[in-house]
C-alpha atoms as a PDB file:
ATOM      1  CA  MET A   1     -40.433   4.668 -11.150  1.00  0.00           C
ATOM      2  CA  PHE A   2     -37.802   6.752 -12.948  1.00  0.00           C
ATOM      3  CA  VAL A   3     -37.846   9.358 -10.156  1.00  0.00           C
ATOM      4  CA  LEU A   4     -37.344   6.688  -7.487  1.00  0.00           C
ATOM      5  CA  SER A   5     -34.447   5.254  -9.443  1.00  0.00           C
ATOM      6  CA  GLU A   6     -32.837   8.700  -9.700  1.00  0.00           C
ATOM      7  CA  LEU A   7     -33.299   9.286  -5.974  1.00  0.00           C
ATOM      8  CA  PHE A   8     -31.792   5.893  -5.161  1.00  0.00           C
ATOM      9  CA  LEU A   9     -28.733   6.555  -7.336  1.00  0.00           C
ATOM     10  CA  SER A  10     -28.285  10.010  -5.825  1.00  0.00           C
ATOM     11  CA  LEU A  11     -28.499   8.588  -2.307  1.00  0.00           C
ATOM     12  CA  LEU A  12     -26.046   5.846  -3.239  1.00  0.00           C
ATOM     13  CA  TRP A  13     -23.524   8.385  -4.520  1.00  0.00           C
ATOM     14  CA  VAL A  14     -23.910  10.455  -1.348  1.00  0.00           C
ATOM     15  CA  ILE A  15     -23.273   7.361   0.792  1.00  0.00           C
ATOM     16  CA  ILE A  16     -20.209   6.444  -1.272  1.00  0.00           C
ATOM     17  CA  ALA A  17     -18.877   9.999  -1.045  1.00  0.00           C
ATOM     18  CA  LEU A  18     -19.395  10.132   2.725  1.00  0.00           C
ATOM     19  CA  TYR A  19     -17.686   6.756   3.123  1.00  0.00           C
ATOM     20  CA  LEU A  20     -14.680   7.909   1.087  1.00  0.00           C
ATOM     21  CA  VAL A  21     -14.398  11.104   3.141  1.00  0.00           C
ATOM     22  CA  TRP A  22     -14.661   9.096   6.373  1.00  0.00           C
ATOM     23  CA  TYR A  23     -12.077   6.597   5.154  1.00  0.00           C
ATOM     24  CA  PHE A  24      -9.708   9.330   3.970  1.00  0.00           C
ATOM     25  CA  LEU A  25      -9.877  11.133   7.312  1.00  0.00           C
ATOM     26  CA  LEU A  26      -9.384   8.043   9.472  1.00  0.00           C
ATOM     27  CA  THR A  27      -7.092   5.773   7.456  1.00  0.00           C
ATOM     28  CA  ASP A  28      -3.488   5.264   8.533  1.00  0.00           C
ATOM     29  CA  ARG A  29      -1.958   3.842   5.339  1.00  0.00           C
ATOM     30  CA  ASP A  30      -2.056   4.254   1.581  1.00  0.00           C
ATOM     31  CA  SER A  31      -4.697   2.404  -0.427  1.00  0.00           C
ATOM     32  CA  VAL A  32      -2.373  -0.272  -1.847  1.00  0.00           C
ATOM     33  CA  LEU A  33      -1.104  -1.119   1.633  1.00  0.00           C
ATOM     34  CA  ALA A  34      -4.703  -1.203   2.893  1.00  0.00           C
ATOM     35  CA  LEU A  35      -5.543  -3.789   0.218  1.00  0.00           C
ATOM     36  CA  ALA A  36      -2.422  -5.791   1.078  1.00  0.00           C
ATOM     37  CA  GLU A  37      -3.373  -5.787   4.767  1.00  0.00           C
ATOM     38  CA  LYS A  38      -6.847  -7.105   3.969  1.00  0.00           C
ATOM     39  CA  PHE A  39      -6.216  -9.446   1.039  1.00  0.00           C
ATOM     40  CA  GLY A  40      -2.448  -9.974   0.777  1.00  0.00           C
ATOM     41  CA  LYS A  41       0.060 -12.290   2.415  1.00  0.00           C
ATOM     42  CA  PRO A  42       0.014 -12.334   6.231  1.00  0.00           C
ATOM     43  CA  VAL A  43       3.025 -11.507   8.394  1.00  0.00           C
ATOM     44  CA  SER A  44       2.999 -15.179   9.446  1.00  0.00           C
ATOM     45  CA  ASP A  45       4.607 -15.963   6.065  1.00  0.00           C
ATOM     46  CA  TYR A  46       7.845 -14.825   7.711  1.00  0.00           C
ATOM     47  CA  ALA A  47       7.857 -17.996   9.837  1.00  0.00           C
ATOM     48  CA  GLY A  48      11.268 -19.647   9.567  1.00  0.00           C
ATOM     49  CA  LYS A  49      12.810 -16.711   7.680  1.00  0.00           C
ATOM     50  CA  VAL A  50      15.980 -15.038   8.964  1.00  0.00           C
ATOM     51  CA  VAL A  51      15.295 -11.333   9.501  1.00  0.00           C
ATOM     52  CA  TRP A  52      17.961  -8.823  10.551  1.00  0.00           C
ATOM     53  CA  ILE A  53      16.671  -5.656  12.271  1.00  0.00           C
ATOM     54  CA  THR A  54      18.930  -2.696  12.991  1.00  0.00           C
ATOM     55  CA  GLY A  55      17.872  -0.298  15.735  1.00  0.00           C
ATOM     56  CA  ALA A  56      16.097  -3.218  17.395  1.00  0.00           C
ATOM     57  CA  SER A  57      16.446  -2.225  21.057  1.00  0.00           C
ATOM     58  CA  THR A  58      13.573   0.290  21.263  1.00  0.00           C
ATOM     59  CA  GLY A  59      10.629   1.784  19.402  1.00  0.00           C
ATOM     60  CA  LEU A  60       9.765   0.560  15.913  1.00  0.00           C
ATOM     61  CA  GLY A  61      12.603  -1.966  15.687  1.00  0.00           C
ATOM     62  CA  GLU A  62      11.629  -3.511  19.010  1.00  0.00           C
ATOM     63  CA  ALA A  63       7.962  -3.709  17.975  1.00  0.00           C
ATOM     64  CA  MET A  64       8.861  -5.394  14.679  1.00  0.00           C
ATOM     65  CA  ALA A  65      11.027  -7.900  16.521  1.00  0.00           C
ATOM     66  CA  TYR A  66       8.141  -8.873  18.807  1.00  0.00           C
ATOM     67  CA  GLU A  67       5.666  -9.361  15.967  1.00  0.00           C
ATOM     68  CA  LEU A  68       8.149 -11.366  13.918  1.00  0.00           C
ATOM     69  CA  ALA A  69       8.997 -13.529  16.926  1.00  0.00           C
ATOM     70  CA  SER A  70       5.304 -14.218  17.505  1.00  0.00           C
ATOM     71  CA  VAL A  71       5.059 -15.814  14.041  1.00  0.00           C
ATOM     72  CA  GLY A  72       8.296 -17.790  14.365  1.00  0.00           C
ATOM     73  CA  ALA A  73      10.777 -15.723  12.339  1.00  0.00           C
ATOM     74  CA  LYS A  74      14.442 -16.157  13.257  1.00  0.00           C
ATOM     75  CA  LEU A  75      16.013 -12.861  14.245  1.00  0.00           C
ATOM     76  CA  ILE A  76      19.267 -10.948  14.181  1.00  0.00           C
ATOM     77  CA  LEU A  77      18.953  -7.965  16.510  1.00  0.00           C
ATOM     78  CA  THR A  78      21.335  -5.014  16.262  1.00  0.00           C
ATOM     79  CA  ALA A  79      21.710  -1.837  18.335  1.00  0.00           C
ATOM     80  CA  ARG A  80      24.330  -0.174  20.505  1.00  0.00           C
ATOM     81  CA  SER A  81      23.029  -1.358  23.884  1.00  0.00           C
ATOM     82  CA  LYS A  82      23.713  -5.042  24.539  1.00  0.00           C
ATOM     83  CA  ASP A  83      21.599  -4.992  27.711  1.00  0.00           C
ATOM     84  CA  LEU A  84      18.533  -3.593  25.936  1.00  0.00           C
ATOM     85  CA  LEU A  85      18.964  -6.079  23.095  1.00  0.00           C
ATOM     86  CA  GLN A  86      19.133  -8.948  25.570  1.00  0.00           C
ATOM     87  CA  ASN A  87      15.870  -7.756  27.117  1.00  0.00           C
ATOM     88  CA  VAL A  88      14.274  -7.675  23.663  1.00  0.00           C
ATOM     89  CA  LYS A  89      15.606 -11.159  22.926  1.00  0.00           C
ATOM     90  CA  ASP A  90      14.136 -12.548  26.145  1.00  0.00           C
ATOM     91  CA  GLU A  91      10.758 -10.976  25.380  1.00  0.00           C
ATOM     92  CA  CYS A  92      10.876 -12.303  21.811  1.00  0.00           C
ATOM     93  CA  ILE A  93      11.364 -15.840  23.093  1.00  0.00           C
ATOM     94  CA  ASN A  94       8.479 -15.327  25.491  1.00  0.00           C
ATOM     95  CA  ARG A  95       6.176 -14.017  22.751  1.00  0.00           C
ATOM     96  CA  SER A  96       7.101 -16.796  20.349  1.00  0.00           C
ATOM     97  CA  ARG A  97       5.335 -19.291  22.646  1.00  0.00           C
ATOM     98  CA  GLY A  98       7.701 -22.120  21.888  1.00  0.00           C
ATOM     99  CA  LYS A  99       8.328 -21.307  18.231  1.00  0.00           C
ATOM    100  CA  LEU A 100      11.836 -19.958  18.961  1.00  0.00           C
ATOM    101  CA  THR A 101      14.779 -20.999  21.104  1.00  0.00           C
ATOM    102  CA  LYS A 102      17.730 -18.895  22.242  1.00  0.00           C
ATOM    103  CA  GLU A 103      19.679 -20.106  19.207  1.00  0.00           C
ATOM    104  CA  ASP A 104      17.032 -18.653  16.891  1.00  0.00           C
ATOM    105  CA  ILE A 105      17.794 -15.075  17.979  1.00  0.00           C
ATOM    106  CA  LEU A 106      21.271 -13.630  17.490  1.00  0.00           C
ATOM    107  CA  VAL A 107      22.198 -10.424  19.317  1.00  0.00           C
ATOM    108  CA  LEU A 108      24.891  -8.296  17.653  1.00  0.00           C
ATOM    109  CA  SER A 109      25.655  -5.164  19.653  1.00  0.00           C
ATOM    110  CA  PHE A 110      27.496  -2.489  17.666  1.00  0.00           C
ATOM    111  CA  ASP A 111      27.310   1.113  16.487  1.00  0.00           C
ATOM    112  CA  ILE A 112      26.123   1.071  12.871  1.00  0.00           C
ATOM    113  CA  SER A 113      28.191   4.174  12.106  1.00  0.00           C
ATOM    114  CA  ASN A 114      31.381   2.195  12.833  1.00  0.00           C
ATOM    115  CA  LEU A 115      31.834   0.665   9.388  1.00  0.00           C
ATOM    116  CA  ASP A 116      35.084  -1.165  10.172  1.00  0.00           C
ATOM    117  CA  TYR A 117      33.295  -4.016  11.957  1.00  0.00           C
ATOM    118  CA  HIS A 118      30.385  -4.574   9.573  1.00  0.00           C
ATOM    119  CA  LYS A 119      32.100  -7.368   7.636  1.00  0.00           C
ATOM    120  CA  ASP A 120      32.796  -9.347  10.814  1.00  0.00           C
ATOM    121  CA  TYR A 121      29.200  -9.052  11.994  1.00  0.00           C
ATOM    122  CA  VAL A 122      27.768 -10.110   8.628  1.00  0.00           C
ATOM    123  CA  GLU A 123      30.056 -13.150   8.625  1.00  0.00           C
ATOM    124  CA  ASN A 124      28.960 -13.898  12.193  1.00  0.00           C
ATOM    125  CA  ALA A 125      25.296 -13.759  11.160  1.00  0.00           C
ATOM    126  CA  VAL A 126      25.799 -15.974   8.094  1.00  0.00           C
ATOM    127  CA  ASN A 127      27.849 -18.494  10.068  1.00  0.00           C
ATOM    128  CA  HIS A 128      25.103 -18.659  12.695  1.00  0.00           C
ATOM    129  CA  PHE A 129      22.074 -19.054  10.414  1.00  0.00           C
ATOM    130  CA  GLY A 130      23.562 -20.013   7.052  1.00  0.00           C
ATOM    131  CA  LYS A 131      21.610 -17.251   5.296  1.00  0.00           C
ATOM    132  CA  ILE A 132      19.925 -13.862   5.674  1.00  0.00           C
ATOM    133  CA  ASP A 133      16.495 -13.495   4.090  1.00  0.00           C
ATOM    134  CA  VAL A 134      15.610  -9.918   5.049  1.00  0.00           C
ATOM    135  CA  LEU A 135      17.568  -6.885   6.247  1.00  0.00           C
ATOM    136  CA  ILE A 136      15.445  -4.159   7.848  1.00  0.00           C
ATOM    137  CA  ASN A 137      17.433  -0.909   7.913  1.00  0.00           C
ATOM    138  CA  ASN A 138      15.744   0.862  10.816  1.00  0.00           C
ATOM    139  CA  ALA A 139      18.555   2.453  12.879  1.00  0.00           C
ATOM    140  CA  ALA A 140      18.562   6.264  12.728  1.00  0.00           C
ATOM    141  CA  ARG A 141      19.198   9.514  14.606  1.00  0.00           C
ATOM    142  CA  TYR A 142      16.988  12.628  14.536  1.00  0.00           C
ATOM    143  CA  GLN A 143      17.959  16.298  14.408  1.00  0.00           C
ATOM    144  CA  ILE A 144      16.326  19.669  15.034  1.00  0.00           C
ATOM    145  CA  GLY A 145      17.994  22.986  14.243  1.00  0.00           C
ATOM    146  CA  GLU A 146      18.030  25.849  11.775  1.00  0.00           C
ATOM    147  CA  ILE A 147      20.298  25.132   8.818  1.00  0.00           C
ATOM    148  CA  PHE A 148      22.786  28.000   9.134  1.00  0.00           C
ATOM    149  CA  LYS A 149      23.003  27.630  12.911  1.00  0.00           C
ATOM    150  CA  THR A 150      23.817  23.914  12.691  1.00  0.00           C
ATOM    151  CA  ASP A 151      27.435  22.721  12.685  1.00  0.00           C
ATOM    152  CA  THR A 152      28.507  20.667   9.674  1.00  0.00           C
ATOM    153  CA  ALA A 153      29.615  18.012  12.168  1.00  0.00           C
ATOM    154  CA  VAL A 154      25.913  17.400  12.872  1.00  0.00           C
ATOM    155  CA  ASP A 155      25.264  16.701   9.186  1.00  0.00           C
ATOM    156  CA  LYS A 156      28.188  14.275   9.137  1.00  0.00           C
ATOM    157  CA  THR A 157      27.011  12.490  12.282  1.00  0.00           C
ATOM    158  CA  LEU A 158      23.525  11.986  10.881  1.00  0.00           C
ATOM    159  CA  PHE A 159      24.795  10.804   7.503  1.00  0.00           C
ATOM    160  CA  ASP A 160      27.140   8.334   9.227  1.00  0.00           C
ATOM    161  CA  VAL A 161      24.234   6.760  11.143  1.00  0.00           C
ATOM    162  CA  ASN A 162      21.288   7.213   8.784  1.00  0.00           C
ATOM    163  CA  TYR A 163      22.978   6.753   5.406  1.00  0.00           C
ATOM    164  CA  PHE A 164      26.533   5.415   5.340  1.00  0.00           C
ATOM    165  CA  GLY A 165      25.863   2.846   8.081  1.00  0.00           C
ATOM    166  CA  PRO A 166      22.881   1.228   6.305  1.00  0.00           C
ATOM    167  CA  LEU A 167      24.683   1.536   2.948  1.00  0.00           C
ATOM    168  CA  SER A 168      27.796  -0.267   4.206  1.00  0.00           C
ATOM    169  CA  LEU A 169      25.870  -3.036   5.943  1.00  0.00           C
ATOM    170  CA  SER A 170      23.567  -3.500   2.956  1.00  0.00           C
ATOM    171  CA  LYS A 171      26.443  -3.831   0.494  1.00  0.00           C
ATOM    172  CA  LEU A 172      27.849  -6.701   2.532  1.00  0.00           C
ATOM    173  CA  VAL A 173      24.461  -8.347   3.046  1.00  0.00           C
ATOM    174  CA  GLY A 174      23.703  -7.769  -0.645  1.00  0.00           C
ATOM    175  CA  LYS A 175      26.711  -9.878  -1.611  1.00  0.00           C
ATOM    176  CA  GLN A 176      25.260 -12.639   0.555  1.00  0.00           C
ATOM    177  CA  PHE A 177      21.892 -12.190  -1.200  1.00  0.00           C
ATOM    178  CA  LEU A 178      23.619 -12.707  -4.553  1.00  0.00           C
ATOM    179  CA  GLN A 179      25.317 -15.881  -3.325  1.00  0.00           C
ATOM    180  CA  GLN A 180      22.106 -17.384  -1.967  1.00  0.00           C
ATOM    181  CA  GLY A 181      19.934 -16.417  -4.949  1.00  0.00           C
ATOM    182  CA  GLY A 182      17.975 -13.487  -3.543  1.00  0.00           C
ATOM    183  CA  GLY A 183      16.978 -11.423  -0.541  1.00  0.00           C
ATOM    184  CA  HIS A 184      14.954  -8.455   0.612  1.00  0.00           C
ATOM    185  CA  PHE A 185      15.944  -5.001   1.852  1.00  0.00           C
ATOM    186  CA  VAL A 186      13.374  -3.106   3.926  1.00  0.00           C
ATOM    187  CA  ILE A 187      14.187   0.585   4.293  1.00  0.00           C
ATOM    188  CA  ILE A 188      12.574   2.584   7.082  1.00  0.00           C
ATOM    189  CA  SER A 189      12.516   6.071   5.620  1.00  0.00           C
ATOM    190  CA  SER A 190      10.220   8.925   6.674  1.00  0.00           C
ATOM    191  CA  ILE A 191       7.963  11.620   5.300  1.00  0.00           C
ATOM    192  CA  ALA A 192      11.194  13.617   5.620  1.00  0.00           C
ATOM    193  CA  GLY A 193      12.518  11.468   2.776  1.00  0.00           C
ATOM    194  CA  LYS A 194       9.743  12.695   0.478  1.00  0.00           C
ATOM    195  CA  PHE A 195       9.726  16.448   1.151  1.00  0.00           C
ATOM    196  CA  GLY A 196      11.574  19.017   3.231  1.00  0.00           C
ATOM    197  CA  ILE A 197      10.541  19.814   6.796  1.00  0.00           C
ATOM    198  CA  PRO A 198      11.746  23.059   8.444  1.00  0.00           C
ATOM    199  CA  SER A 199      14.422  22.720  11.151  1.00  0.00           C
ATOM    200  CA  THR A 200      15.239  19.106  10.192  1.00  0.00           C
ATOM    201  CA  ALA A 201      17.416  19.616   7.109  1.00  0.00           C
ATOM    202  CA  SER A 202      20.140  17.183   8.199  1.00  0.00           C
ATOM    203  CA  TYR A 203      17.612  14.432   8.886  1.00  0.00           C
ATOM    204  CA  CYS A 204      15.708  15.170   5.662  1.00  0.00           C
ATOM    205  CA  GLY A 205      18.936  15.012   3.682  1.00  0.00           C
ATOM    206  CA  THR A 206      19.813  11.571   5.023  1.00  0.00           C
ATOM    207  CA  LYS A 207      16.368  10.141   4.293  1.00  0.00           C
ATOM    208  CA  HIS A 208      16.262  11.591   0.765  1.00  0.00           C
ATOM    209  CA  ALA A 209      19.686  10.060   0.129  1.00  0.00           C
ATOM    210  CA  LEU A 210      18.640   6.696   1.548  1.00  0.00           C
ATOM    211  CA  GLN A 211      15.520   6.508  -0.615  1.00  0.00           C
ATOM    212  CA  GLY A 212      17.355   7.528  -3.775  1.00  0.00           C
ATOM    213  CA  TYR A 213      20.099   4.986  -3.163  1.00  0.00           C
ATOM    214  CA  PHE A 214      17.797   2.042  -2.534  1.00  0.00           C
ATOM    215  CA  ASP A 215      15.465   2.962  -5.396  1.00  0.00           C
ATOM    216  CA  THR A 216      18.560   2.411  -7.542  1.00  0.00           C
ATOM    217  CA  VAL A 217      19.395  -0.854  -5.766  1.00  0.00           C
ATOM    218  CA  ARG A 218      15.905  -2.068  -6.666  1.00  0.00           C
ATOM    219  CA  MET A 219      16.391  -1.197 -10.324  1.00  0.00           C
ATOM    220  CA  GLU A 220      19.843  -2.773 -10.589  1.00  0.00           C
ATOM    221  CA  TYR A 221      19.203  -6.012  -8.724  1.00  0.00           C
ATOM    222  CA  GLN A 222      15.579  -7.012  -9.355  1.00  0.00           C
ATOM    223  CA  ARG A 223      16.819  -9.457 -11.970  1.00  0.00           C
ATOM    224  CA  TYR A 224      18.805 -11.213  -9.236  1.00  0.00           C
ATOM    225  CA  ASN A 225      15.694 -11.691  -7.070  1.00  0.00           C
ATOM    226  CA  ILE A 226      16.751  -8.914  -4.691  1.00  0.00           C
ATOM    227  CA  THR A 227      13.801  -6.727  -3.734  1.00  0.00           C
ATOM    228  CA  VAL A 228      13.500  -3.416  -1.892  1.00  0.00           C
ATOM    229  CA  THR A 229      10.558  -2.163   0.159  1.00  0.00           C
ATOM    230  CA  THR A 230      10.627   1.448   1.359  1.00  0.00           C
ATOM    231  CA  ILE A 231       8.446   2.365   4.333  1.00  0.00           C
ATOM    232  CA  VAL A 232       7.489   6.037   4.647  1.00  0.00           C
ATOM    233  CA  PRO A 233       6.089   6.670   8.155  1.00  0.00           C
ATOM    234  CA  GLY A 234       4.692   9.921   9.447  1.00  0.00           C
ATOM    235  CA  ILE A 235       5.003  10.853  13.115  1.00  0.00           C
ATOM    236  CA  PHE A 236       4.411   7.937  15.467  1.00  0.00           C
ATOM    237  CA  SER A 237       5.469   6.932  18.964  1.00  0.00           C
ATOM    238  CA  SER A 238       9.178   6.384  18.345  1.00  0.00           C
ATOM    239  CA  ALA A 239      12.346   6.283  20.408  1.00  0.00           C
ATOM    240  CA  ILE A 240      14.129   8.253  17.677  1.00  0.00           C
ATOM    241  CA  PHE A 241      12.966  11.433  19.430  1.00  0.00           C
ATOM    242  CA  GLU A 242      14.534  10.487  22.779  1.00  0.00           C
ATOM    243  CA  LYS A 243      18.012  11.908  22.115  1.00  0.00           C
ATOM    244  CA  THR A 244      17.609  14.410  19.329  1.00  0.00           C
ATOM    245  CA  ILE A 245      20.753  16.180  18.098  1.00  0.00           C
ATOM    246  CA  THR A 246      20.308  19.943  17.776  1.00  0.00           C
ATOM    247  CA  THR A 247      22.752  22.530  16.381  1.00  0.00           C
ATOM    248  CA  SER A 248      25.925  20.766  17.538  1.00  0.00           C
ATOM    249  CA  THR A 249      26.815  17.176  18.339  1.00  0.00           C
ATOM    250  CA  ASP A 250      27.164  17.938  22.051  1.00  0.00           C
ATOM    251  CA  LYS A 251      23.709  19.545  22.284  1.00  0.00           C
ATOM    252  CA  ILE A 252      21.157  16.795  22.831  1.00  0.00           C
ATOM    253  CA  LEU A 253      17.455  17.437  23.257  1.00  0.00           C
ATOM    254  CA  GLU A 254      16.080  14.936  25.760  1.00  0.00           C
ATOM    255  CA  LYS A 255      12.459  14.217  24.880  1.00  0.00           C
ATOM    256  CA  ASP A 256      10.172  11.430  26.053  1.00  0.00           C
ATOM    257  CA  TYR A 257       8.847   9.794  22.905  1.00  0.00           C
ATOM    258  CA  ASP A 258       5.527   9.003  24.637  1.00  0.00           C
ATOM    259  CA  HIS A 259       4.783  12.661  23.916  1.00  0.00           C
ATOM    260  CA  TYR A 260       4.243  11.671  20.306  1.00  0.00           C
ATOM    261  CA  GLU A 261       1.493   9.207  21.148  1.00  0.00           C
ATOM    262  CA  CYS A 262      -0.866  12.142  20.640  1.00  0.00           C
ATOM    263  CA  THR A 263      -0.617  11.195  16.952  1.00  0.00           C
ATOM    264  CA  ASN A 264      -2.510   7.954  17.785  1.00  0.00           C
ATOM    265  CA  MET A 265       0.031   5.960  15.756  1.00  0.00           C
ATOM    266  CA  THR A 266       1.801   3.505  18.048  1.00  0.00           C
ATOM    267  CA  SER A 267       5.077   1.766  17.308  1.00  0.00           C
ATOM    268  CA  GLU A 268       3.172  -1.527  17.255  1.00  0.00           C
ATOM    269  CA  ARG A 269       0.750  -0.345  14.554  1.00  0.00           C
ATOM    270  CA  CYS A 270       3.535   1.158  12.473  1.00  0.00           C
ATOM    271  CA  ALA A 271       5.534  -2.065  12.842  1.00  0.00           C
ATOM    272  CA  HIS A 272       2.603  -4.222  11.750  1.00  0.00           C
ATOM    273  CA  LEU A 273       1.901  -2.143   8.650  1.00  0.00           C
ATOM    274  CA  SER A 274       5.611  -2.071   7.800  1.00  0.00           C
ATOM    275  CA  LEU A 275       5.774  -5.854   7.998  1.00  0.00           C
ATOM    276  CA  VAL A 276       2.606  -6.221   5.908  1.00  0.00           C
ATOM    277  CA  ALA A 277       4.211  -4.038   3.239  1.00  0.00           C
ATOM    278  CA  SER A 278       7.448  -5.999   3.337  1.00  0.00           C
ATOM    279  CA  VAL A 279       5.962  -9.510   3.334  1.00  0.00           C
ATOM    280  CA  ASN A 280       3.932  -8.484   0.270  1.00  0.00           C
ATOM    281  CA  LYS A 281       7.072  -6.958  -1.288  1.00  0.00           C
ATOM    282  CA  LEU A 282       5.476  -3.597  -1.999  1.00  0.00           C
ATOM    283  CA  TYR A 283       7.865  -1.042  -3.483  1.00  0.00           C
ATOM    284  CA  GLU A 284       6.885   1.925  -1.303  1.00  0.00           C
ATOM    285  CA  SER A 285       4.276   2.219   1.439  1.00  0.00           C
ATOM    286  CA  TRP A 286       3.014   5.248   3.341  1.00  0.00           C
ATOM    287  CA  VAL A 287       2.165   4.709   7.013  1.00  0.00           C
ATOM    288  CA  ALA A 288       0.619   7.783   8.626  1.00  0.00           C
ATOM    289  CA  TYR A 289      -2.542   9.503   9.756  1.00  0.00           C
ATOM    290  CA  GLN A 290      -3.819  12.766   8.333  1.00  0.00           C
ATOM    291  CA  PRO A 291      -2.630  15.357   7.571  1.00  0.00           C
ATOM    292  CA  PHE A 292       0.569  13.481   6.712  1.00  0.00           C
ATOM    293  CA  LEU A 293      -1.045  11.138   4.178  1.00  0.00           C
ATOM    294  CA  PHE A 294      -2.503  14.104   2.336  1.00  0.00           C
ATOM    295  CA  MET A 295       0.877  15.864   2.435  1.00  0.00           C
ATOM    296  CA  LEU A 296       2.501  12.782   0.884  1.00  0.00           C
ATOM    297  CA  TRP A 297      -0.188  12.557  -1.780  1.00  0.00           C
ATOM    298  CA  ALA A 298      -0.007  16.265  -2.601  1.00  0.00           C
ATOM    299  CA  SER A 299       3.795  16.316  -2.771  1.00  0.00           C
ATOM    300  CA  GLN A 300       3.709  13.316  -5.132  1.00  0.00           C
ATOM    301  CA  TYR A 301       0.928  14.368  -7.495  1.00  0.00           C
ATOM    302  CA  LEU A 302       0.655  18.164  -7.060  1.00  0.00           C
ATOM    303  CA  PRO A 303       4.251  19.212  -6.343  1.00  0.00           C
ATOM    304  CA  ASP A 304       3.986  22.827  -7.499  1.00  0.00           C
ATOM    305  CA  ILE A 305       0.761  23.477  -5.607  1.00  0.00           C
ATOM    306  CA  TYR A 306       2.064  21.672  -2.508  1.00  0.00           C
ATOM    307  CA  LYS A 307       5.202  23.834  -2.370  1.00  0.00           C
ATOM    308  CA  LEU A 308       3.346  27.153  -2.546  1.00  0.00           C
END
């Protein structure tokens, strides 16, 4: 009887170990986010909320807009292309299946790096809806180039779009959050915001800066019911790769972002997990397949070994 019991326990441990290995190899999010997806609040809790998405015309921002529209969230959509935003708005209304009207989706077409107009657009949004519940800072540019071969103008361009633009807009929206008694910032960062990646120093620098800044926002304003969720995606099918800046601002690498679908992470899946993390108000969530999840884990818990 004792031998059978020992064999059963040994077999059980083998099964558990195999399951954990299988899960680790195939999962596409961190364990806390996985629990939130299964047992936490659903994205449908955003019904009736006013959600502002920057970079909403393509890729991840577009996918988030569609999922939010399907549950009845009111939307503010921002990007440079008014025509693309209008197409997204029309599709959002279609996917809402009667939950939204044209008045429930506000299109604000502007370049986020042009800080002079941010105040006017925030006032426009507040006048239209009366409040802003969530700001999703998603707009960004990507860069590839060796550090010492890259013009400083490239660094400035990326910081204007990826850092100073979101910072400026968030300061103005944050003042509205204080007036209305709370709000939620969702920051779309990257694995490049957690550790360096060769040939993307400018992009890495902007994402590190963004994460550090909003980690501080969280600490300073939690007592005012202002929360911050940081999303850390790995590589997924994203329009950010379409017009990649290289070593100078006039050198653009044209790349079809469908190429990155080989990662098996679609914009729709990344959007869903990002919204699950945000509706559950998680502090930081990792959204990626292997080996990127392991790289994130190793850089967090084994930094010296990871950097060898």
